[in-house]
Amino acid sequence: MNAEASREKSIRHGHPSTLHLYWARRPLAAARAVLFAQLVDDPSSRPEEFPTIEEQDAERARLHALLEQLVVWENSNDETLLRQASAEIRKSNNGELPAVLDPFAGGGAIPLEAQRLGLEAHASDLNPLAVLINKALIEIPPKFAGKPPVYPGSAGANLTGWSRAEGLAEDVRRYGEWMR
């Protein structure tokens, strides 16, 4: 996890830090790992499911392997992996996905990663810049998820299959070029 968090600092394409270099940004890999570890029970807490130490150790190793995959930056948008992590969280929370509140969200690492894991995320902060960053990261993109761009003449605007907020990203890119 430490190696991936350190490596993440040098990633400049597709990383939220390219939106605005917030002074206290936390590594997304670390936030994802902490959320997962916090919300998934250790196998020893479910002795009816894992009665022996060997079974508990095997399940713990499986969960650690999943966690090791979760922290790799290139896996940030791996839908299969994120669904698997979400299913593990659901198993440990009576079949529900809990909501996450970060009252001092800063650069938005915790609420962003909570959303990636399929959780309902809420963020606030006293700093207006942090509030704006969080709106841009966790509030606005989900509203436009799966929708095509609206910029006139956008390449592929009539195509179907705009996943996540790719249509919004295309609009921001096009309007940004237009503003230059």
N, C-alpha and C. Protein backbone atom coordinates (compact mmCIF):
# COMPACT_ATOMS: atom_id res chain seq x y z
N MET A 1 0.82 -1.18 0.00
CA MET A 1 0.00 0.00 0.00
C MET A 1 0.88 1.25 0.00
N ASN A 2 1.92 1.25 0.79
CA ASN A 2 2.80 2.42 0.84
C ASN A 2 3.43 2.71 -0.51
N ALA A 3 3.88 1.66 -1.19
CA ALA A 3 4.52 1.84 -2.50
C ALA A 3 3.53 2.43 -3.49
N GLU A 4 2.29 1.94 -3.50
CA GLU A 4 1.28 2.46 -4.43
C GLU A 4 0.91 3.90 -4.08
N ALA A 5 0.82 4.23 -2.80
CA ALA A 5 0.51 5.60 -2.40
C ALA A 5 1.63 6.55 -2.82
N SER A 6 2.88 6.11 -2.70
CA SER A 6 4.01 6.94 -3.14
C SER A 6 4.03 7.09 -4.65
N ARG A 7 3.78 6.00 -5.36
CA ARG A 7 3.78 6.04 -6.83
C ARG A 7 2.67 6.95 -7.35
N GLU A 8 1.56 6.99 -6.64
CA GLU A 8 0.42 7.80 -7.06
C GLU A 8 0.76 9.29 -7.12
N LYS A 9 1.71 9.74 -6.31
CA LYS A 9 2.08 11.16 -6.31
C LYS A 9 2.66 11.62 -7.63
N SER A 10 3.22 10.70 -8.41
CA SER A 10 3.83 11.08 -9.69
C SER A 10 2.88 10.93 -10.87
N ILE A 11 1.67 10.42 -10.65
CA ILE A 11 0.70 10.24 -11.74
C ILE A 11 0.04 11.58 -12.03
N ARG A 12 0.06 11.99 -13.27
CA ARG A 12 -0.49 13.29 -13.62
C ARG A 12 -1.63 13.22 -14.64
N HIS A 13 -1.87 12.09 -15.24
CA HIS A 13 -2.95 12.00 -16.22
C HIS A 13 -4.13 11.24 -15.63
N GLY A 14 -5.29 11.89 -15.59
CA GLY A 14 -6.48 11.23 -15.08
C GLY A 14 -6.60 11.21 -13.57
N HIS A 15 -5.74 11.90 -12.89
CA HIS A 15 -5.75 11.93 -11.43
C HIS A 15 -6.43 13.22 -10.95
N PRO A 16 -7.24 13.15 -9.90
CA PRO A 16 -7.91 14.36 -9.41
C PRO A 16 -6.96 15.50 -9.05
N SER A 17 -5.71 15.19 -8.75
CA SER A 17 -4.77 16.26 -8.41
C SER A 17 -4.53 17.20 -9.58
N THR A 18 -4.87 16.76 -10.80
CA THR A 18 -4.71 17.65 -11.96
C THR A 18 -5.82 18.68 -12.00
N LEU A 19 -6.91 18.46 -11.26
CA LEU A 19 -7.99 19.43 -11.17
C LEU A 19 -7.52 20.66 -10.41
N HIS A 20 -6.94 20.44 -9.26
CA HIS A 20 -6.36 21.51 -8.45
C HIS A 20 -5.41 20.85 -7.47
N LEU A 21 -4.21 21.38 -7.34
CA LEU A 21 -3.23 20.80 -6.42
C LEU A 21 -3.54 21.28 -5.01
N TYR A 22 -4.39 20.53 -4.33
CA TYR A 22 -4.79 20.88 -2.98
C TYR A 22 -3.62 20.62 -2.04
N TRP A 23 -3.38 21.48 -1.11
CA TRP A 23 -2.17 21.44 -0.28
C TRP A 23 -2.06 20.20 0.60
N ALA A 24 -3.16 19.58 0.97
CA ALA A 24 -3.08 18.43 1.87
C ALA A 24 -3.74 17.19 1.26
N ARG A 25 -3.61 17.02 -0.04
CA ARG A 25 -4.27 15.89 -0.70
C ARG A 25 -3.70 14.57 -0.18
N ARG A 26 -4.60 13.65 0.12
CA ARG A 26 -4.22 12.32 0.59
C ARG A 26 -4.22 11.35 -0.59
N PRO A 27 -3.34 10.38 -0.58
CA PRO A 27 -3.31 9.41 -1.68
C PRO A 27 -4.63 8.64 -1.76
N LEU A 28 -5.17 8.53 -2.96
CA LEU A 28 -6.43 7.82 -3.16
C LEU A 28 -6.29 6.34 -2.82
N ALA A 29 -5.12 5.77 -3.13
CA ALA A 29 -4.90 4.35 -2.83
C ALA A 29 -5.02 4.10 -1.33
N ALA A 30 -4.46 4.99 -0.53
CA ALA A 30 -4.53 4.83 0.92
C ALA A 30 -5.97 4.99 1.41
N ALA A 31 -6.70 5.96 0.85
CA ALA A 31 -8.09 6.16 1.26
C ALA A 31 -8.94 4.94 0.91
N ARG A 32 -8.74 4.38 -0.28
CA ARG A 32 -9.49 3.20 -0.70
C ARG A 32 -9.17 2.02 0.22
N ALA A 33 -7.91 1.85 0.55
CA ALA A 33 -7.49 0.74 1.42
C ALA A 33 -8.07 0.90 2.82
N VAL A 34 -8.02 2.10 3.36
CA VAL A 34 -8.53 2.34 4.71
C VAL A 34 -10.04 2.11 4.76
N LEU A 35 -10.76 2.61 3.77
CA LEU A 35 -12.21 2.39 3.73
C LEU A 35 -12.54 0.90 3.68
N PHE A 36 -11.87 0.19 2.79
CA PHE A 36 -12.13 -1.25 2.65
C PHE A 36 -11.82 -1.97 3.96
N ALA A 37 -10.65 -1.71 4.53
CA ALA A 37 -10.24 -2.39 5.76
C ALA A 37 -11.15 -2.03 6.93
N GLN A 38 -11.63 -0.81 6.95
CA GLN A 38 -12.51 -0.38 8.03
C GLN A 38 -13.89 -1.02 7.94
N LEU A 39 -14.35 -1.30 6.73
CA LEU A 39 -15.72 -1.76 6.54
C LEU A 39 -15.86 -3.27 6.34
N VAL A 40 -14.74 -3.98 6.22
CA VAL A 40 -14.79 -5.44 6.05
C VAL A 40 -14.28 -6.09 7.33
N ASP A 41 -15.10 -6.97 7.87
CA ASP A 41 -14.75 -7.65 9.12
C ASP A 41 -13.62 -8.65 8.92
N ASP A 42 -12.81 -8.81 9.96
CA ASP A 42 -11.80 -9.85 9.97
C ASP A 42 -12.52 -11.20 10.06
N PRO A 43 -12.02 -12.21 9.37
CA PRO A 43 -12.67 -13.53 9.41
C PRO A 43 -12.84 -14.11 10.81
N SER A 44 -12.00 -13.72 11.75
CA SER A 44 -12.13 -14.25 13.12
C SER A 44 -13.41 -13.76 13.80
N SER A 45 -14.02 -12.70 13.27
CA SER A 45 -15.26 -12.20 13.86
C SER A 45 -16.48 -12.99 13.38
N ARG A 46 -16.25 -13.95 12.47
CA ARG A 46 -17.34 -14.79 11.96
C ARG A 46 -16.98 -16.27 12.15
N PRO A 47 -16.89 -16.73 13.41
CA PRO A 47 -16.47 -18.12 13.67
C PRO A 47 -17.43 -19.16 13.11
N GLU A 48 -18.70 -18.79 12.94
CA GLU A 48 -19.65 -19.75 12.37
C GLU A 48 -19.35 -20.01 10.89
N GLU A 49 -18.77 -19.04 10.22
CA GLU A 49 -18.42 -19.17 8.80
C GLU A 49 -17.00 -19.72 8.62
N PHE A 50 -16.10 -19.32 9.52
CA PHE A 50 -14.69 -19.74 9.46
C PHE A 50 -14.30 -20.29 10.83
N PRO A 51 -14.67 -21.55 11.11
CA PRO A 51 -14.49 -22.10 12.46
C PRO A 51 -13.04 -22.38 12.87
N THR A 52 -12.17 -22.68 11.90
CA THR A 52 -10.80 -23.03 12.28
C THR A 52 -9.85 -21.87 11.98
N ILE A 53 -8.73 -21.88 12.66
CA ILE A 53 -7.72 -20.84 12.43
C ILE A 53 -7.21 -20.91 11.00
N GLU A 54 -7.10 -22.11 10.46
CA GLU A 54 -6.62 -22.27 9.08
C GLU A 54 -7.59 -21.62 8.10
N GLU A 55 -8.89 -21.83 8.31
CA GLU A 55 -9.90 -21.22 7.43
C GLU A 55 -9.89 -19.70 7.57
N GLN A 56 -9.72 -19.23 8.79
CA GLN A 56 -9.64 -17.78 9.01
C GLN A 56 -8.42 -17.20 8.31
N ASP A 57 -7.28 -17.88 8.43
CA ASP A 57 -6.06 -17.41 7.77
C ASP A 57 -6.20 -17.40 6.25
N ALA A 58 -6.84 -18.42 5.71
CA ALA A 58 -7.04 -18.49 4.26
C ALA A 58 -7.95 -17.35 3.78
N GLU A 59 -9.01 -17.09 4.53
CA GLU A 59 -9.93 -16.00 4.16
C GLU A 59 -9.24 -14.65 4.31
N ARG A 60 -8.45 -14.50 5.36
CA ARG A 60 -7.70 -13.26 5.58
C ARG A 60 -6.72 -13.02 4.44
N ALA A 61 -6.05 -14.08 3.99
CA ALA A 61 -5.11 -13.97 2.86
C ALA A 61 -5.86 -13.57 1.59
N ARG A 62 -7.05 -14.12 1.37
CA ARG A 62 -7.85 -13.76 0.20
C ARG A 62 -8.25 -12.28 0.24
N LEU A 63 -8.66 -11.81 1.43
CA LEU A 63 -9.03 -10.40 1.57
C LEU A 63 -7.83 -9.48 1.38
N HIS A 64 -6.67 -9.89 1.89
CA HIS A 64 -5.45 -9.10 1.69
C HIS A 64 -5.06 -9.04 0.22
N ALA A 65 -5.24 -10.14 -0.50
CA ALA A 65 -4.94 -10.15 -1.94
C ALA A 65 -5.87 -9.19 -2.68
N LEU A 66 -7.13 -9.16 -2.28
CA LEU A 66 -8.08 -8.23 -2.88
C LEU A 66 -7.67 -6.79 -2.57
N LEU A 67 -7.27 -6.55 -1.35
CA LEU A 67 -6.82 -5.21 -0.94
C LEU A 67 -5.58 -4.78 -1.73
N GLU A 68 -4.66 -5.71 -1.95
CA GLU A 68 -3.46 -5.40 -2.73
C GLU A 68 -3.82 -4.99 -4.16
N GLN A 69 -4.84 -5.60 -4.73
CA GLN A 69 -5.29 -5.22 -6.07
C GLN A 69 -6.00 -3.87 -6.05
N LEU A 70 -6.75 -3.60 -4.99
CA LEU A 70 -7.51 -2.35 -4.89
C LEU A 70 -6.63 -1.12 -4.87
N VAL A 71 -5.44 -1.21 -4.30
CA VAL A 71 -4.61 -0.02 -4.14
C VAL A 71 -3.80 0.34 -5.39
N VAL A 72 -3.80 -0.51 -6.40
CA VAL A 72 -3.06 -0.22 -7.63
C VAL A 72 -3.82 0.83 -8.43
N TRP A 73 -3.16 1.93 -8.79
CA TRP A 73 -3.82 3.04 -9.49
C TRP A 73 -4.51 2.59 -10.77
N GLU A 74 -3.88 1.71 -11.52
CA GLU A 74 -4.46 1.26 -12.79
C GLU A 74 -5.77 0.49 -12.58
N ASN A 75 -6.03 0.03 -11.37
CA ASN A 75 -7.26 -0.69 -11.07
C ASN A 75 -8.36 0.22 -10.53
N SER A 76 -8.11 1.53 -10.49
CA SER A 76 -9.07 2.47 -9.90
C SER A 76 -10.45 2.40 -10.52
N ASN A 77 -10.53 2.11 -11.80
CA ASN A 77 -11.83 2.06 -12.48
C ASN A 77 -12.17 0.65 -12.98
N ASP A 78 -11.54 -0.35 -12.40
CA ASP A 78 -11.82 -1.74 -12.76
C ASP A 78 -13.16 -2.13 -12.12
N GLU A 79 -14.22 -2.09 -12.92
CA GLU A 79 -15.57 -2.32 -12.41
C GLU A 79 -15.72 -3.68 -11.73
N THR A 80 -15.09 -4.71 -12.29
CA THR A 80 -15.19 -6.05 -11.70
C THR A 80 -14.57 -6.08 -10.31
N LEU A 81 -13.39 -5.50 -10.18
CA LEU A 81 -12.70 -5.46 -8.89
C LEU A 81 -13.49 -4.62 -7.88
N LEU A 82 -14.00 -3.47 -8.31
CA LEU A 82 -14.76 -2.61 -7.41
C LEU A 82 -16.06 -3.27 -6.96
N ARG A 83 -16.72 -4.02 -7.87
CA ARG A 83 -17.93 -4.75 -7.48
C ARG A 83 -17.60 -5.85 -6.47
N GLN A 84 -16.45 -6.50 -6.66
CA GLN A 84 -16.02 -7.54 -5.73
C GLN A 84 -15.76 -6.93 -4.34
N ALA A 85 -15.10 -5.79 -4.30
CA ALA A 85 -14.84 -5.11 -3.02
C ALA A 85 -16.15 -4.67 -2.38
N SER A 86 -17.05 -4.15 -3.18
CA SER A 86 -18.35 -3.73 -2.68
C SER A 86 -19.13 -4.91 -2.10
N ALA A 87 -19.04 -6.06 -2.73
CA ALA A 87 -19.72 -7.26 -2.23
C ALA A 87 -19.15 -7.68 -0.87
N GLU A 88 -17.83 -7.54 -0.70
CA GLU A 88 -17.21 -7.88 0.59
C GLU A 88 -17.68 -6.92 1.68
N ILE A 89 -17.79 -5.64 1.33
CA ILE A 89 -18.27 -4.64 2.30
C ILE A 89 -19.71 -4.96 2.67
N ARG A 90 -20.51 -5.30 1.68
CA ARG A 90 -21.92 -5.63 1.91
C ARG A 90 -22.04 -6.85 2.85
N LYS A 91 -21.18 -7.87 2.64
CA LYS A 91 -21.21 -9.08 3.49
C LYS A 91 -20.98 -8.75 4.96
N SER A 92 -20.12 -7.77 5.20
CA SER A 92 -19.76 -7.42 6.58
C SER A 92 -20.73 -6.42 7.21
N ASN A 93 -21.71 -5.96 6.43
CA ASN A 93 -22.63 -4.94 6.92
C ASN A 93 -24.09 -5.34 6.72
N ASN A 94 -24.38 -6.59 7.04
CA ASN A 94 -25.76 -7.12 6.98
C ASN A 94 -26.42 -6.91 5.63
N GLY A 95 -25.64 -7.07 4.56
CA GLY A 95 -26.20 -6.96 3.22
C GLY A 95 -26.41 -5.55 2.72
N GLU A 96 -26.00 -4.57 3.49
CA GLU A 96 -26.18 -3.15 3.12
C GLU A 96 -24.83 -2.51 2.85
N LEU A 97 -24.85 -1.45 2.06
CA LEU A 97 -23.66 -0.63 1.88
C LEU A 97 -23.84 0.62 2.73
N PRO A 98 -22.96 0.83 3.71
CA PRO A 98 -23.12 1.98 4.60
C PRO A 98 -22.80 3.30 3.90
N ALA A 99 -23.35 4.36 4.43
CA ALA A 99 -23.01 5.70 3.96
C ALA A 99 -21.74 6.15 4.66
N VAL A 100 -20.97 6.99 4.00
CA VAL A 100 -19.72 7.50 4.57
C VAL A 100 -19.81 9.03 4.65
N LEU A 101 -19.48 9.58 5.79
CA LEU A 101 -19.45 11.03 5.98
C LEU A 101 -18.04 11.44 6.34
N ASP A 102 -17.49 12.37 5.58
CA ASP A 102 -16.18 12.93 5.89
C ASP A 102 -16.40 14.41 6.20
N PRO A 103 -16.43 14.79 7.49
CA PRO A 103 -16.74 16.18 7.85
C PRO A 103 -15.63 17.17 7.52
N PHE A 104 -14.43 16.70 7.33
CA PHE A 104 -13.31 17.56 6.96
C PHE A 104 -12.66 16.96 5.71
N ALA A 105 -13.37 16.98 4.61
CA ALA A 105 -13.00 16.23 3.41
C ALA A 105 -11.78 16.76 2.68
N GLY A 106 -11.44 18.01 2.84
CA GLY A 106 -10.25 18.55 2.18
C GLY A 106 -10.27 18.29 0.69
N GLY A 107 -9.27 17.57 0.19
CA GLY A 107 -9.15 17.29 -1.24
C GLY A 107 -10.09 16.21 -1.75
N GLY A 108 -10.88 15.59 -0.89
CA GLY A 108 -11.93 14.67 -1.31
C GLY A 108 -11.54 13.22 -1.51
N ALA A 109 -10.38 12.80 -1.01
CA ALA A 109 -9.94 11.42 -1.24
C ALA A 109 -10.92 10.40 -0.65
N ILE A 110 -11.35 10.59 0.58
CA ILE A 110 -12.22 9.61 1.23
C ILE A 110 -13.59 9.53 0.56
N PRO A 111 -14.29 10.66 0.34
CA PRO A 111 -15.60 10.52 -0.32
C PRO A 111 -15.50 10.01 -1.76
N LEU A 112 -14.46 10.38 -2.49
CA LEU A 112 -14.29 9.90 -3.86
C LEU A 112 -14.12 8.38 -3.87
N GLU A 113 -13.26 7.89 -3.00
CA GLU A 113 -13.03 6.44 -2.95
C GLU A 113 -14.24 5.70 -2.40
N ALA A 114 -14.98 6.32 -1.49
CA ALA A 114 -16.21 5.70 -1.01
C ALA A 114 -17.18 5.51 -2.17
N GLN A 115 -17.30 6.53 -3.03
CA GLN A 115 -18.16 6.39 -4.20
C GLN A 115 -17.68 5.29 -5.13
N ARG A 116 -16.37 5.22 -5.34
CA ARG A 116 -15.84 4.15 -6.20
C ARG A 116 -16.21 2.78 -5.68
N LEU A 117 -16.26 2.64 -4.36
CA LEU A 117 -16.60 1.36 -3.74
C LEU A 117 -18.11 1.13 -3.67
N GLY A 118 -18.87 2.05 -4.25
CA GLY A 118 -20.32 1.90 -4.31
C GLY A 118 -21.06 2.43 -3.10
N LEU A 119 -20.37 3.16 -2.24
CA LEU A 119 -20.99 3.68 -1.03
C LEU A 119 -21.58 5.06 -1.27
N GLU A 120 -22.58 5.41 -0.49
CA GLU A 120 -23.13 6.76 -0.53
C GLU A 120 -22.14 7.65 0.23
N ALA A 121 -21.64 8.70 -0.42
CA ALA A 121 -20.61 9.54 0.19
C ALA A 121 -21.14 10.95 0.45
N HIS A 122 -20.81 11.47 1.62
CA HIS A 122 -21.16 12.84 2.00
C HIS A 122 -19.88 13.52 2.46
N ALA A 123 -19.69 14.76 2.02
CA ALA A 123 -18.46 15.48 2.38
C ALA A 123 -18.79 16.91 2.75
N SER A 124 -18.01 17.46 3.66
CA SER A 124 -18.13 18.88 3.99
C SER A 124 -16.75 19.36 4.43
N ASP A 125 -16.63 20.65 4.53
CA ASP A 125 -15.37 21.24 4.98
C ASP A 125 -15.64 22.70 5.31
N LEU A 126 -14.78 23.30 6.09
CA LEU A 126 -14.90 24.72 6.40
C LEU A 126 -14.28 25.58 5.31
N ASN A 127 -13.34 25.03 4.58
CA ASN A 127 -12.63 25.76 3.53
C ASN A 127 -13.47 25.76 2.25
N PRO A 128 -13.82 26.93 1.72
CA PRO A 128 -14.64 26.97 0.51
C PRO A 128 -13.97 26.32 -0.70
N LEU A 129 -12.65 26.37 -0.78
CA LEU A 129 -11.96 25.71 -1.89
C LEU A 129 -12.14 24.19 -1.80
N ALA A 130 -12.04 23.65 -0.60
CA ALA A 130 -12.26 22.22 -0.41
C ALA A 130 -13.69 21.83 -0.78
N VAL A 131 -14.65 22.68 -0.43
CA VAL A 131 -16.05 22.41 -0.78
C VAL A 131 -16.21 22.38 -2.30
N LEU A 132 -15.60 23.32 -2.99
CA LEU A 132 -15.67 23.36 -4.46
C LEU A 132 -15.03 22.12 -5.08
N ILE A 133 -13.87 21.73 -4.58
CA ILE A 133 -13.19 20.53 -5.09
C ILE A 133 -14.09 19.30 -4.90
N ASN A 134 -14.71 19.19 -3.73
CA ASN A 134 -15.57 18.04 -3.47
C ASN A 134 -16.83 18.04 -4.33
N LYS A 135 -17.38 19.21 -4.59
CA LYS A 135 -18.53 19.29 -5.51
C LYS A 135 -18.12 18.79 -6.89
N ALA A 136 -16.93 19.22 -7.34
CA ALA A 136 -16.45 18.83 -8.67
C ALA A 136 -16.09 17.34 -8.73
N LEU A 137 -15.70 16.75 -7.62
CA LEU A 137 -15.30 15.34 -7.61
C LEU A 137 -16.43 14.36 -7.32
N ILE A 138 -17.29 14.70 -6.35
CA ILE A 138 -18.26 13.68 -5.92
C ILE A 138 -19.72 14.04 -6.13
N GLU A 139 -20.02 15.30 -6.36
CA GLU A 139 -21.43 15.67 -6.51
C GLU A 139 -21.84 15.82 -7.98
N ILE A 140 -21.06 16.53 -8.76
CA ILE A 140 -21.44 16.81 -10.15
C ILE A 140 -21.28 15.60 -11.07
N PRO A 141 -20.14 14.91 -11.10
CA PRO A 141 -20.00 13.79 -12.05
C PRO A 141 -21.10 12.72 -11.99
N PRO A 142 -21.56 12.28 -10.82
CA PRO A 142 -22.61 11.26 -10.82
C PRO A 142 -23.92 11.72 -11.49
N LYS A 143 -24.18 13.02 -11.46
CA LYS A 143 -25.40 13.54 -12.09
C LYS A 143 -25.37 13.36 -13.61
N PHE A 144 -24.18 13.29 -14.18
CA PHE A 144 -24.03 13.18 -15.63
C PHE A 144 -23.47 11.83 -16.06
N ALA A 145 -23.43 10.88 -15.15
CA ALA A 145 -22.88 9.55 -15.47
C ALA A 145 -23.71 8.88 -16.55
N GLY A 146 -23.02 8.35 -17.55
CA GLY A 146 -23.69 7.62 -18.63
C GLY A 146 -24.36 8.50 -19.67
N LYS A 147 -24.19 9.81 -19.57
CA LYS A 147 -24.84 10.73 -20.52
C LYS A 147 -23.83 11.20 -21.56
N PRO A 148 -24.28 11.41 -22.80
CA PRO A 148 -23.37 11.89 -23.84
C PRO A 148 -23.06 13.37 -23.66
N PRO A 149 -22.00 13.86 -24.30
CA PRO A 149 -21.69 15.29 -24.23
C PRO A 149 -22.76 16.11 -24.94
N VAL A 150 -22.90 17.38 -24.56
CA VAL A 150 -23.88 18.26 -25.19
C VAL A 150 -23.23 19.32 -26.07
N TYR A 151 -21.91 19.41 -26.02
CA TYR A 151 -21.21 20.40 -26.84
C TYR A 151 -21.53 20.16 -28.31
N PRO A 152 -21.93 21.21 -29.05
CA PRO A 152 -22.28 21.03 -30.47
C PRO A 152 -21.11 20.46 -31.27
N GLY A 153 -21.39 19.41 -31.98
CA GLY A 153 -20.36 18.81 -32.83
C GLY A 153 -19.38 17.92 -32.10
N SER A 154 -19.68 17.53 -30.88
CA SER A 154 -18.78 16.63 -30.14
C SER A 154 -18.67 15.31 -30.89
N ALA A 155 -17.45 14.85 -31.03
CA ALA A 155 -17.22 13.57 -31.71
C ALA A 155 -17.90 12.46 -30.93
N GLY A 156 -18.75 11.74 -31.61
CA GLY A 156 -19.40 10.59 -30.97
C GLY A 156 -20.53 10.95 -30.04
N ALA A 157 -21.05 12.19 -30.10
CA ALA A 157 -22.13 12.59 -29.20
C ALA A 157 -23.37 11.73 -29.40
N ASN A 158 -23.54 11.21 -30.60
CA ASN A 158 -24.71 10.38 -30.89
C ASN A 158 -24.49 8.91 -30.57
N LEU A 159 -23.27 8.56 -30.21
CA LEU A 159 -22.99 7.17 -29.86
C LEU A 159 -23.62 6.83 -28.52
N THR A 160 -23.90 5.57 -28.34
CA THR A 160 -24.39 5.13 -27.04
C THR A 160 -23.22 4.54 -26.27
N GLY A 161 -23.38 4.41 -24.99
CA GLY A 161 -22.35 3.76 -24.20
C GLY A 161 -21.34 4.70 -23.57
N TRP A 162 -21.74 5.90 -23.22
CA TRP A 162 -20.83 6.79 -22.49
C TRP A 162 -20.81 6.32 -21.05
N SER A 163 -19.73 5.70 -20.63
CA SER A 163 -19.67 5.18 -19.26
C SER A 163 -19.18 6.27 -18.31
N ARG A 164 -19.49 6.04 -17.04
CA ARG A 164 -19.13 6.96 -15.97
C ARG A 164 -19.46 8.40 -16.39
N ALA A 165 -18.55 9.32 -16.22
CA ALA A 165 -18.81 10.73 -16.58
C ALA A 165 -17.98 11.13 -17.80
N GLU A 166 -17.78 10.21 -18.73
CA GLU A 166 -16.98 10.51 -19.92
C GLU A 166 -17.60 11.61 -20.77
N GLY A 167 -18.93 11.65 -20.86
CA GLY A 167 -19.61 12.71 -21.61
C GLY A 167 -19.35 14.07 -20.99
N LEU A 168 -19.42 14.16 -19.67
CA LEU A 168 -19.13 15.40 -18.97
C LEU A 168 -17.67 15.80 -19.18
N ALA A 169 -16.77 14.84 -19.10
CA ALA A 169 -15.34 15.12 -19.31
C ALA A 169 -15.10 15.66 -20.72
N GLU A 170 -15.79 15.08 -21.71
CA GLU A 170 -15.66 15.56 -23.09
C GLU A 170 -16.17 16.99 -23.21
N ASP A 171 -17.29 17.30 -22.57
CA ASP A 171 -17.82 18.67 -22.59
C ASP A 171 -16.85 19.65 -21.94
N VAL A 172 -16.30 19.29 -20.80
CA VAL A 172 -15.34 20.18 -20.11
C VAL A 172 -14.12 20.41 -21.00
N ARG A 173 -13.64 19.34 -21.64
CA ARG A 173 -12.49 19.46 -22.54
C ARG A 173 -12.82 20.39 -23.71
N ARG A 174 -13.97 20.18 -24.36
CA ARG A 174 -14.36 20.98 -25.53
C ARG A 174 -14.60 22.44 -25.16
N TYR A 175 -15.34 22.69 -24.07
CA TYR A 175 -15.60 24.07 -23.68
C TYR A 175 -14.31 24.75 -23.21
N GLY A 176 -13.41 23.99 -22.61
CA GLY A 176 -12.11 24.54 -22.23
C GLY A 176 -11.31 24.98 -23.44
N GLU A 177 -11.32 24.18 -24.50
CA GLU A 177 -10.63 24.56 -25.74
C GLU A 177 -11.29 25.78 -26.36
N TRP A 178 -12.62 25.83 -26.33
CA TRP A 178 -13.36 26.95 -26.89
C TRP A 178 -13.04 28.26 -26.16
N MET A 179 -12.82 28.17 -24.84
CA MET A 179 -12.54 29.36 -24.02
C MET A 179 -11.14 29.92 -24.26
N ARG A 180 -10.23 29.10 -24.74
CA ARG A 180 -8.86 29.58 -24.94
C ARG A 180 -8.89 30.64 -25.95
